[in-house]
Every structure is written in C-alpha cells, then in structure tokens.
Amino acid sequence: MKIQIAPSILSADFGNLNADIKTVEDFVDLLHVDVMDGHFVPNLTFGAPVIRCIKTSLPLSCHLMIENPEKYLEDFVKAGAATITFHAEVVKDMSGLIKKIHTLGVRAGVSVNPETDVKVIESVLAEVDEVLVMSVHPGFGGQKFIESALEKIAWLRQVRPDLDIAVDGGIDNLTAPKVVQAGANILVSGSYIFNSSDRVAAIKTLNP
C-alpha cells in the first residue's frame, strides 16, 4: 500500500495556519486535524468554524477526540472533512456511528488509545475505512512514541489486509520505518514536521 503522510496541524502556527499549510501541502497526502474538547482529553483546540477557514486542496482527516461525537458530525462534514475518526472509548454503538458518518458521504475511522485493547474494535473492522492507532496519550503534541502500538498495527494488518491504518504520535525519521514495517500506511506527524527548520526534508525522511 502507498505510504501517505499526514501533517498534524496541531503543531502548526494557528495565527498563520493557511501559510503554514502552504509550506507542506505539495509534499504530503492529507491533513490531520485534531479536534479536542477539554473533556475526553485534557486540552482544547478548535471546532468546525476554524476548519472551515482552512484553504487547501488536500483531504482533511478530522480526528474527534471528543465526547458525544455524533452531535457534531454534520458540522465537520459541512466544514470540509473527508474522513471523520471517533474514539472507541467514548462510543457505545460504533457500528451505528459508522453508518451515520457514511450516510453523510465521508469516510469513517475509529481510533484507540494506547491503553485500549485494539480488539475492542474487531466487530466493526469490516465497516470502517480507517483505524487510527494512537502511539502517544492523546491531548498534547511532542510526546514519545509508545512501542506497544506496533503490535496493534501488525494485528490490524493481519486481520484486514486492505485497511487504511494510521498511526499518530511520536512519528519521526526513527519511528516511521518501524510503523511502516508493522503495517501502517498513513503516518501522522506534527511537531517533527512543523518544528523542523526544513519541513520538506523532514517529510521526505518519513517516506524515503
């Protein structure tokens, strides 16, 4: 599968967001948008109004680190989301939510935190378009990669070979080869890209 690079705009300069996106968009495949509510994770970022202001030709993958994601699906679709990913930890009826997302005409993803057994999503693996494996504790950028994510990625790739498997957290030139070897094909990277003095060179090290 083609390796896709997804810069996380959580690490971009929000005051110059579109300008920061311009510096990377010709060299990546999509943008990863972290939406945090201050409840499910101990941080607060932005919602659909900010996403509507993003000017890019890249697909937007909206990672909802929020409680009650079903309340906001339409807002994010109208704001331009191409993929909506929710967390398994906050949704009781995952299959129902996946159907709602598909009804709105966008891709559906499910994410699992480092402490969550990946097999809790086994029942919906045939329904989702993407699984996002968190390789850090969600809420803040710049954390160290958690190695147990590799086992989850390998299991997912074995169970569903055609699945888009994204990995988010601590992805840099050293961890990228590990997650690709395990089976990930979408690499979410924030601080490694946006904090680099040469962003394009940093992107190329993720997919040499």
C-alpha atoms as a PDB file:
ATOM      1  CA  MET A   1       0.000   0.000   0.000  1.00  0.00           C
ATOM      2  CA  LYS A   2       1.097   3.544  -0.716  1.00  0.00           C
ATOM      3  CA  ILE A   3       2.506   5.301   2.325  1.00  0.00           C
ATOM      4  CA  GLN A   4       0.630   8.534   2.981  1.00  0.00           C
ATOM      5  CA  ILE A   5       1.994  11.421   5.038  1.00  0.00           C
ATOM      6  CA  ALA A   6      -0.482  13.419   7.110  1.00  0.00           C
ATOM      7  CA  PRO A   7       0.890  16.503   8.897  1.00  0.00           C
ATOM      8  CA  SER A   8      -0.997  17.255  12.095  1.00  0.00           C
ATOM      9  CA  ILE A   9      -1.938  20.916  12.137  1.00  0.00           C
ATOM     10  CA  LEU A  10      -1.962  20.784  15.946  1.00  0.00           C
ATOM     11  CA  SER A  11       1.724  21.695  15.669  1.00  0.00           C
ATOM     12  CA  ALA A  12       1.231  24.472  13.102  1.00  0.00           C
ATOM     13  CA  ASP A  13       1.112  28.184  13.908  1.00  0.00           C
ATOM     14  CA  PHE A  14      -2.617  28.850  14.361  1.00  0.00           C
ATOM     15  CA  GLY A  15      -2.040  32.550  13.725  1.00  0.00           C
ATOM     16  CA  ASN A  16      -0.673  31.719  10.273  1.00  0.00           C
ATOM     17  CA  LEU A  17      -2.425  28.422   9.695  1.00  0.00           C
ATOM     18  CA  ASN A  18      -3.004  28.612   5.960  1.00  0.00           C
ATOM     19  CA  ALA A  19       0.518  29.930   5.357  1.00  0.00           C
ATOM     20  CA  ASP A  20       1.959  27.040   7.381  1.00  0.00           C
ATOM     21  CA  ILE A  21      -0.150  24.539   5.430  1.00  0.00           C
ATOM     22  CA  LYS A  22       1.146  26.008   2.165  1.00  0.00           C
ATOM     23  CA  THR A  23       4.716  25.131   3.171  1.00  0.00           C
ATOM     24  CA  VAL A  24       3.917  21.402   3.227  1.00  0.00           C
ATOM     25  CA  GLU A  25       0.852  20.715   1.069  1.00  0.00           C
ATOM     26  CA  ASP A  26       2.709  19.943  -2.172  1.00  0.00           C
ATOM     27  CA  PHE A  27       4.695  17.203  -0.423  1.00  0.00           C
ATOM     28  CA  VAL A  28       2.049  15.364   1.619  1.00  0.00           C
ATOM     29  CA  ASP A  29      -1.165  13.431   1.020  1.00  0.00           C
ATOM     30  CA  LEU A  30      -3.690  14.787   3.515  1.00  0.00           C
ATOM     31  CA  LEU A  31      -4.014  16.974   6.601  1.00  0.00           C
ATOM     32  CA  HIS A  32      -4.723  15.581  10.062  1.00  0.00           C
ATOM     33  CA  VAL A  33      -6.974  17.820  12.138  1.00  0.00           C
ATOM     34  CA  ASP A  34      -7.058  17.145  15.898  1.00  0.00           C
ATOM     35  CA  VAL A  35     -10.304  18.273  17.488  1.00  0.00           C
ATOM     36  CA  MET A  36     -10.182  18.257  21.318  1.00  0.00           C
ATOM     37  CA  ASP A  37     -12.968  19.191  23.698  1.00  0.00           C
ATOM     38  CA  GLY A  38     -11.193  19.506  27.048  1.00  0.00           C
ATOM     39  CA  HIS A  39     -13.281  16.596  28.374  1.00  0.00           C
ATOM     40  CA  PHE A  40     -12.193  13.389  26.659  1.00  0.00           C
ATOM     41  CA  VAL A  41      -8.657  14.796  26.555  1.00  0.00           C
ATOM     42  CA  PRO A  42      -7.165  17.449  28.871  1.00  0.00           C
ATOM     43  CA  ASN A  43      -6.769  20.032  26.158  1.00  0.00           C
ATOM     44  CA  LEU A  44      -8.926  22.262  23.991  1.00  0.00           C
ATOM     45  CA  THR A  45      -8.207  23.022  20.337  1.00  0.00           C
ATOM     46  CA  PHE A  46     -10.762  24.136  17.768  1.00  0.00           C
ATOM     47  CA  GLY A  47     -14.024  23.158  16.142  1.00  0.00           C
ATOM     48  CA  ALA A  48     -15.730  23.254  12.789  1.00  0.00           C
ATOM     49  CA  PRO A  49     -15.607  27.080  12.372  1.00  0.00           C
ATOM     50  CA  VAL A  50     -11.798  27.037  12.286  1.00  0.00           C
ATOM     51  CA  ILE A  51     -11.723  24.029   9.956  1.00  0.00           C
ATOM     52  CA  ARG A  52     -13.981  25.899   7.522  1.00  0.00           C
ATOM     53  CA  CYS A  53     -11.255  28.553   7.262  1.00  0.00           C
ATOM     54  CA  ILE A  54      -8.601  26.083   6.104  1.00  0.00           C
ATOM     55  CA  LYS A  55      -7.720  26.695   2.466  1.00  0.00           C
ATOM     56  CA  THR A  56      -6.187  23.629   0.874  1.00  0.00           C
ATOM     57  CA  SER A  57      -6.749  21.110  -1.890  1.00  0.00           C
ATOM     58  CA  LEU A  58      -5.725  18.292   0.458  1.00  0.00           C
ATOM     59  CA  PRO A  59      -8.289  15.965   2.054  1.00  0.00           C
ATOM     60  CA  LEU A  60      -8.997  16.822   5.687  1.00  0.00           C
ATOM     61  CA  SER A  61      -8.989  13.949   8.158  1.00  0.00           C
ATOM     62  CA  CYS A  62     -10.790  15.102  11.297  1.00  0.00           C
ATOM     63  CA  HIS A  63      -9.796  13.205  14.429  1.00  0.00           C
ATOM     64  CA  LEU A  64     -12.518  13.823  17.006  1.00  0.00           C
ATOM     65  CA  MET A  65     -11.001  13.478  20.455  1.00  0.00           C
ATOM     66  CA  ILE A  66     -14.317  14.477  21.940  1.00  0.00           C
ATOM     67  CA  GLU A  67     -17.256  13.110  23.886  1.00  0.00           C
ATOM     68  CA  ASN A  68     -20.585  12.738  22.048  1.00  0.00           C
ATOM     69  CA  PRO A  69     -19.077  12.902  18.545  1.00  0.00           C
ATOM     70  CA  GLU A  70     -22.452  12.058  16.992  1.00  0.00           C
ATOM     71  CA  LYS A  71     -23.688  15.574  17.855  1.00  0.00           C
ATOM     72  CA  TYR A  72     -21.129  17.251  15.621  1.00  0.00           C
ATOM     73  CA  LEU A  73     -20.842  15.035  12.550  1.00  0.00           C
ATOM     74  CA  GLU A  74     -22.769  17.317  10.203  1.00  0.00           C
ATOM     75  CA  ASP A  75     -20.802  20.367  11.343  1.00  0.00           C
ATOM     76  CA  PHE A  76     -17.500  18.742  10.435  1.00  0.00           C
ATOM     77  CA  VAL A  77     -18.756  17.411   7.121  1.00  0.00           C
ATOM     78  CA  LYS A  78     -20.023  20.891   6.191  1.00  0.00           C
ATOM     79  CA  ALA A  79     -16.641  22.283   7.264  1.00  0.00           C
ATOM     80  CA  GLY A  80     -14.925  20.054   4.696  1.00  0.00           C
ATOM     81  CA  ALA A  81     -13.960  16.804   6.428  1.00  0.00           C
ATOM     82  CA  ALA A  82     -13.169  13.925   4.074  1.00  0.00           C
ATOM     83  CA  THR A  83     -12.701  11.466   6.949  1.00  0.00           C
ATOM     84  CA  ILE A  84     -14.189  11.577  10.432  1.00  0.00           C
ATOM     85  CA  THR A  85     -12.494   9.451  13.078  1.00  0.00           C
ATOM     86  CA  PHE A  86     -14.033   8.919  16.501  1.00  0.00           C
ATOM     87  CA  HIS A  87     -12.653   7.199  19.596  1.00  0.00           C
ATOM     88  CA  ALA A  88     -13.787   3.713  20.553  1.00  0.00           C
ATOM     89  CA  GLU A  89     -13.521   4.710  24.219  1.00  0.00           C
ATOM     90  CA  VAL A  90     -16.476   7.128  24.038  1.00  0.00           C
ATOM     91  CA  VAL A  91     -18.924   5.393  21.679  1.00  0.00           C
ATOM     92  CA  LYS A  92     -21.210   2.540  22.706  1.00  0.00           C
ATOM     93  CA  ASP A  93     -22.732   1.867  19.282  1.00  0.00           C
ATOM     94  CA  MET A  94     -19.703   2.055  16.998  1.00  0.00           C
ATOM     95  CA  SER A  95     -21.482   0.384  14.088  1.00  0.00           C
ATOM     96  CA  GLY A  96     -24.349   2.860  14.266  1.00  0.00           C
ATOM     97  CA  LEU A  97     -22.000   5.836  14.284  1.00  0.00           C
ATOM     98  CA  ILE A  98     -20.028   4.463  11.332  1.00  0.00           C
ATOM     99  CA  LYS A  99     -23.292   4.178   9.383  1.00  0.00           C
ATOM    100  CA  LYS A 100     -24.178   7.802  10.245  1.00  0.00           C
ATOM    101  CA  ILE A 101     -20.788   9.008   9.020  1.00  0.00           C
ATOM    102  CA  HIS A 102     -21.142   7.046   5.779  1.00  0.00           C
ATOM    103  CA  THR A 103     -24.650   8.446   5.290  1.00  0.00           C
ATOM    104  CA  LEU A 104     -23.095  11.918   5.295  1.00  0.00           C
ATOM    105  CA  GLY A 105     -20.864  10.859   2.394  1.00  0.00           C
ATOM    106  CA  VAL A 106     -17.464  10.776   4.078  1.00  0.00           C
ATOM    107  CA  ARG A 107     -15.013   8.119   5.224  1.00  0.00           C
ATOM    108  CA  ALA A 108     -15.340   6.699   8.744  1.00  0.00           C
ATOM    109  CA  GLY A 109     -12.468   5.927  11.071  1.00  0.00           C
ATOM    110  CA  VAL A 110     -12.136   4.627  14.612  1.00  0.00           C
ATOM    111  CA  SER A 111      -9.246   5.346  16.967  1.00  0.00           C
ATOM    112  CA  VAL A 112      -7.883   3.530  20.022  1.00  0.00           C
ATOM    113  CA  ASN A 113      -5.776   4.978  22.823  1.00  0.00           C
ATOM    114  CA  PRO A 114      -2.509   3.332  23.966  1.00  0.00           C
ATOM    115  CA  GLU A 115      -4.164   1.674  26.970  1.00  0.00           C
ATOM    116  CA  THR A 116      -7.116   0.327  24.917  1.00  0.00           C
ATOM    117  CA  ASP A 117      -7.063  -3.254  23.628  1.00  0.00           C
ATOM    118  CA  VAL A 118      -7.316  -2.971  19.845  1.00  0.00           C
ATOM    119  CA  LYS A 119      -9.608  -5.999  19.757  1.00  0.00           C
ATOM    120  CA  VAL A 120     -12.467  -3.882  21.161  1.00  0.00           C
ATOM    121  CA  ILE A 121     -12.989  -2.682  17.571  1.00  0.00           C
ATOM    122  CA  GLU A 122     -12.835  -6.135  15.986  1.00  0.00           C
ATOM    123  CA  SER A 123     -16.619  -6.208  15.464  1.00  0.00           C
ATOM    124  CA  VAL A 124     -16.533  -3.102  13.232  1.00  0.00           C
ATOM    125  CA  LEU A 125     -13.336  -3.720  11.285  1.00  0.00           C
ATOM    126  CA  ALA A 126     -15.309  -4.774   8.215  1.00  0.00           C
ATOM    127  CA  GLU A 127     -17.257  -1.494   8.306  1.00  0.00           C
ATOM    128  CA  VAL A 128     -14.628   1.189   8.878  1.00  0.00           C
ATOM    129  CA  ASP A 129     -12.445   2.787   6.224  1.00  0.00           C
ATOM    130  CA  GLU A 130      -9.591   3.525   8.601  1.00  0.00           C
ATOM    131  CA  VAL A 131      -8.239   2.721  12.044  1.00  0.00           C
ATOM    132  CA  LEU A 132      -6.120   5.299  13.832  1.00  0.00           C
ATOM    133  CA  VAL A 133      -3.721   3.787  16.364  1.00  0.00           C
ATOM    134  CA  MET A 134      -2.621   6.288  18.992  1.00  0.00           C
ATOM    135  CA  SER A 135       1.062   5.845  19.757  1.00  0.00           C
ATOM    136  CA  VAL A 136       1.019   8.571  22.435  1.00  0.00           C
ATOM    137  CA  HIS A 137      -1.597   9.573  25.001  1.00  0.00           C
ATOM    138  CA  PRO A 138      -3.946  11.954  23.176  1.00  0.00           C
ATOM    139  CA  GLY A 139      -4.172  15.606  24.077  1.00  0.00           C
ATOM    140  CA  PHE A 140      -0.720  17.081  23.532  1.00  0.00           C
ATOM    141  CA  GLY A 141       1.899  17.112  20.787  1.00  0.00           C
ATOM    142  CA  GLY A 142       5.564  16.226  21.063  1.00  0.00           C
ATOM    143  CA  GLN A 143       5.271  13.057  23.163  1.00  0.00           C
ATOM    144  CA  LYS A 144       7.482   9.975  22.999  1.00  0.00           C
ATOM    145  CA  PHE A 145       6.382   7.066  20.809  1.00  0.00           C
ATOM    146  CA  ILE A 146       4.802   4.125  22.695  1.00  0.00           C
ATOM    147  CA  GLU A 147       6.165   0.868  21.277  1.00  0.00           C
ATOM    148  CA  SER A 148       3.066  -1.235  22.049  1.00  0.00           C
ATOM    149  CA  ALA A 149       1.376   0.481  19.102  1.00  0.00           C
ATOM    150  CA  LEU A 150       3.411  -1.747  16.778  1.00  0.00           C
ATOM    151  CA  GLU A 151       1.649  -4.924  17.932  1.00  0.00           C
ATOM    152  CA  LYS A 152      -1.750  -3.311  17.353  1.00  0.00           C
ATOM    153  CA  ILE A 153      -0.792  -2.227  13.840  1.00  0.00           C
ATOM    154  CA  ALA A 154       0.510  -5.698  12.962  1.00  0.00           C
ATOM    155  CA  TRP A 155      -2.679  -7.339  14.261  1.00  0.00           C
ATOM    156  CA  LEU A 156      -4.896  -4.973  12.284  1.00  0.00           C
ATOM    157  CA  ARG A 157      -2.934  -5.547   9.082  1.00  0.00           C
ATOM    158  CA  GLN A 158      -3.217  -9.303   9.521  1.00  0.00           C
ATOM    159  CA  VAL A 159      -6.957  -9.241  10.231  1.00  0.00           C
ATOM    160  CA  ARG A 160      -7.852  -6.832   7.420  1.00  0.00           C
ATOM    161  CA  PRO A 161      -5.110  -6.525   4.790  1.00  0.00           C
ATOM    162  CA  ASP A 162      -6.851  -3.782   2.767  1.00  0.00           C
ATOM    163  CA  LEU A 163      -7.481  -1.444   5.730  1.00  0.00           C
ATOM    164  CA  ASP A 164      -6.064   2.066   5.936  1.00  0.00           C
ATOM    165  CA  ILE A 165      -4.072   2.020   9.183  1.00  0.00           C
ATOM    166  CA  ALA A 166      -2.978   5.393  10.514  1.00  0.00           C
ATOM    167  CA  VAL A 167      -0.638   5.935  13.427  1.00  0.00           C
ATOM    168  CA  ASP A 168      -0.470   9.159  15.413  1.00  0.00           C
ATOM    169  CA  GLY A 169       2.120  10.196  17.985  1.00  0.00           C
ATOM    170  CA  GLY A 170       5.888  10.472  18.116  1.00  0.00           C
ATOM    171  CA  ILE A 171       6.307   9.812  14.397  1.00  0.00           C
ATOM    172  CA  ASP A 172       9.725  10.899  13.143  1.00  0.00           C
ATOM    173  CA  ASN A 173      12.554   9.551  10.975  1.00  0.00           C
ATOM    174  CA  LEU A 174      13.330   6.843  13.565  1.00  0.00           C
ATOM    175  CA  THR A 175       9.814   5.590  14.333  1.00  0.00           C
ATOM    176  CA  ALA A 176       8.354   5.875  10.815  1.00  0.00           C
ATOM    177  CA  PRO A 177      10.206   2.787   9.474  1.00  0.00           C
ATOM    178  CA  LYS A 178       9.006   0.758  12.472  1.00  0.00           C
ATOM    179  CA  VAL A 179       5.330   1.557  11.971  1.00  0.00           C
ATOM    180  CA  VAL A 180       5.545   1.005   8.213  1.00  0.00           C
ATOM    181  CA  GLN A 181       7.171  -2.365   8.758  1.00  0.00           C
ATOM    182  CA  ALA A 182       4.382  -3.246  11.216  1.00  0.00           C
ATOM    183  CA  GLY A 183       1.782  -2.403   8.577  1.00  0.00           C
ATOM    184  CA  ALA A 184       0.774   1.260   8.911  1.00  0.00           C
ATOM    185  CA  ASN A 185       0.227   3.183   5.678  1.00  0.00           C
ATOM    186  CA  ILE A 186      -0.819   6.626   6.988  1.00  0.00           C
ATOM    187  CA  LEU A 187       1.776   8.429   9.101  1.00  0.00           C
ATOM    188  CA  VAL A 188       0.512  11.340  11.178  1.00  0.00           C
ATOM    189  CA  SER A 189       3.322  13.661  12.184  1.00  0.00           C
ATOM    190  CA  GLY A 190       3.025  17.069  13.790  1.00  0.00           C
ATOM    191  CA  SER A 191       5.926  18.547  15.721  1.00  0.00           C
ATOM    192  CA  TYR A 192       8.543  16.613  13.724  1.00  0.00           C
ATOM    193  CA  ILE A 193       7.361  18.320  10.532  1.00  0.00           C
ATOM    194  CA  PHE A 194       6.249  21.772  11.659  1.00  0.00           C
ATOM    195  CA  ASN A 195       9.089  22.341  14.144  1.00  0.00           C
ATOM    196  CA  SER A 196      11.728  21.373  11.589  1.00  0.00           C
ATOM    197  CA  SER A 197      13.952  24.034  10.047  1.00  0.00           C
ATOM    198  CA  ASP A 198      13.451  22.252   6.708  1.00  0.00           C
ATOM    199  CA  ARG A 199       9.927  20.864   6.633  1.00  0.00           C
ATOM    200  CA  VAL A 200      10.171  19.337   3.174  1.00  0.00           C
ATOM    201  CA  ALA A 201      13.347  17.460   4.108  1.00  0.00           C
ATOM    202  CA  ALA A 202      11.663  16.220   7.283  1.00  0.00           C
ATOM    203  CA  ILE A 203       8.678  14.939   5.278  1.00  0.00           C
ATOM    204  CA  LYS A 204      10.984  13.069   2.901  1.00  0.00           C
ATOM    205  CA  THR A 205      12.670  11.246   5.787  1.00  0.00           C
ATOM    206  CA  LEU A 206       9.267   9.789   6.740  1.00  0.00           C
ATOM    207  CA  ASN A 207       8.848   8.115   3.358  1.00  0.00           C
ATOM    208  CA  PRO A 208      12.301   7.784   1.758  1.00  0.00           C
END
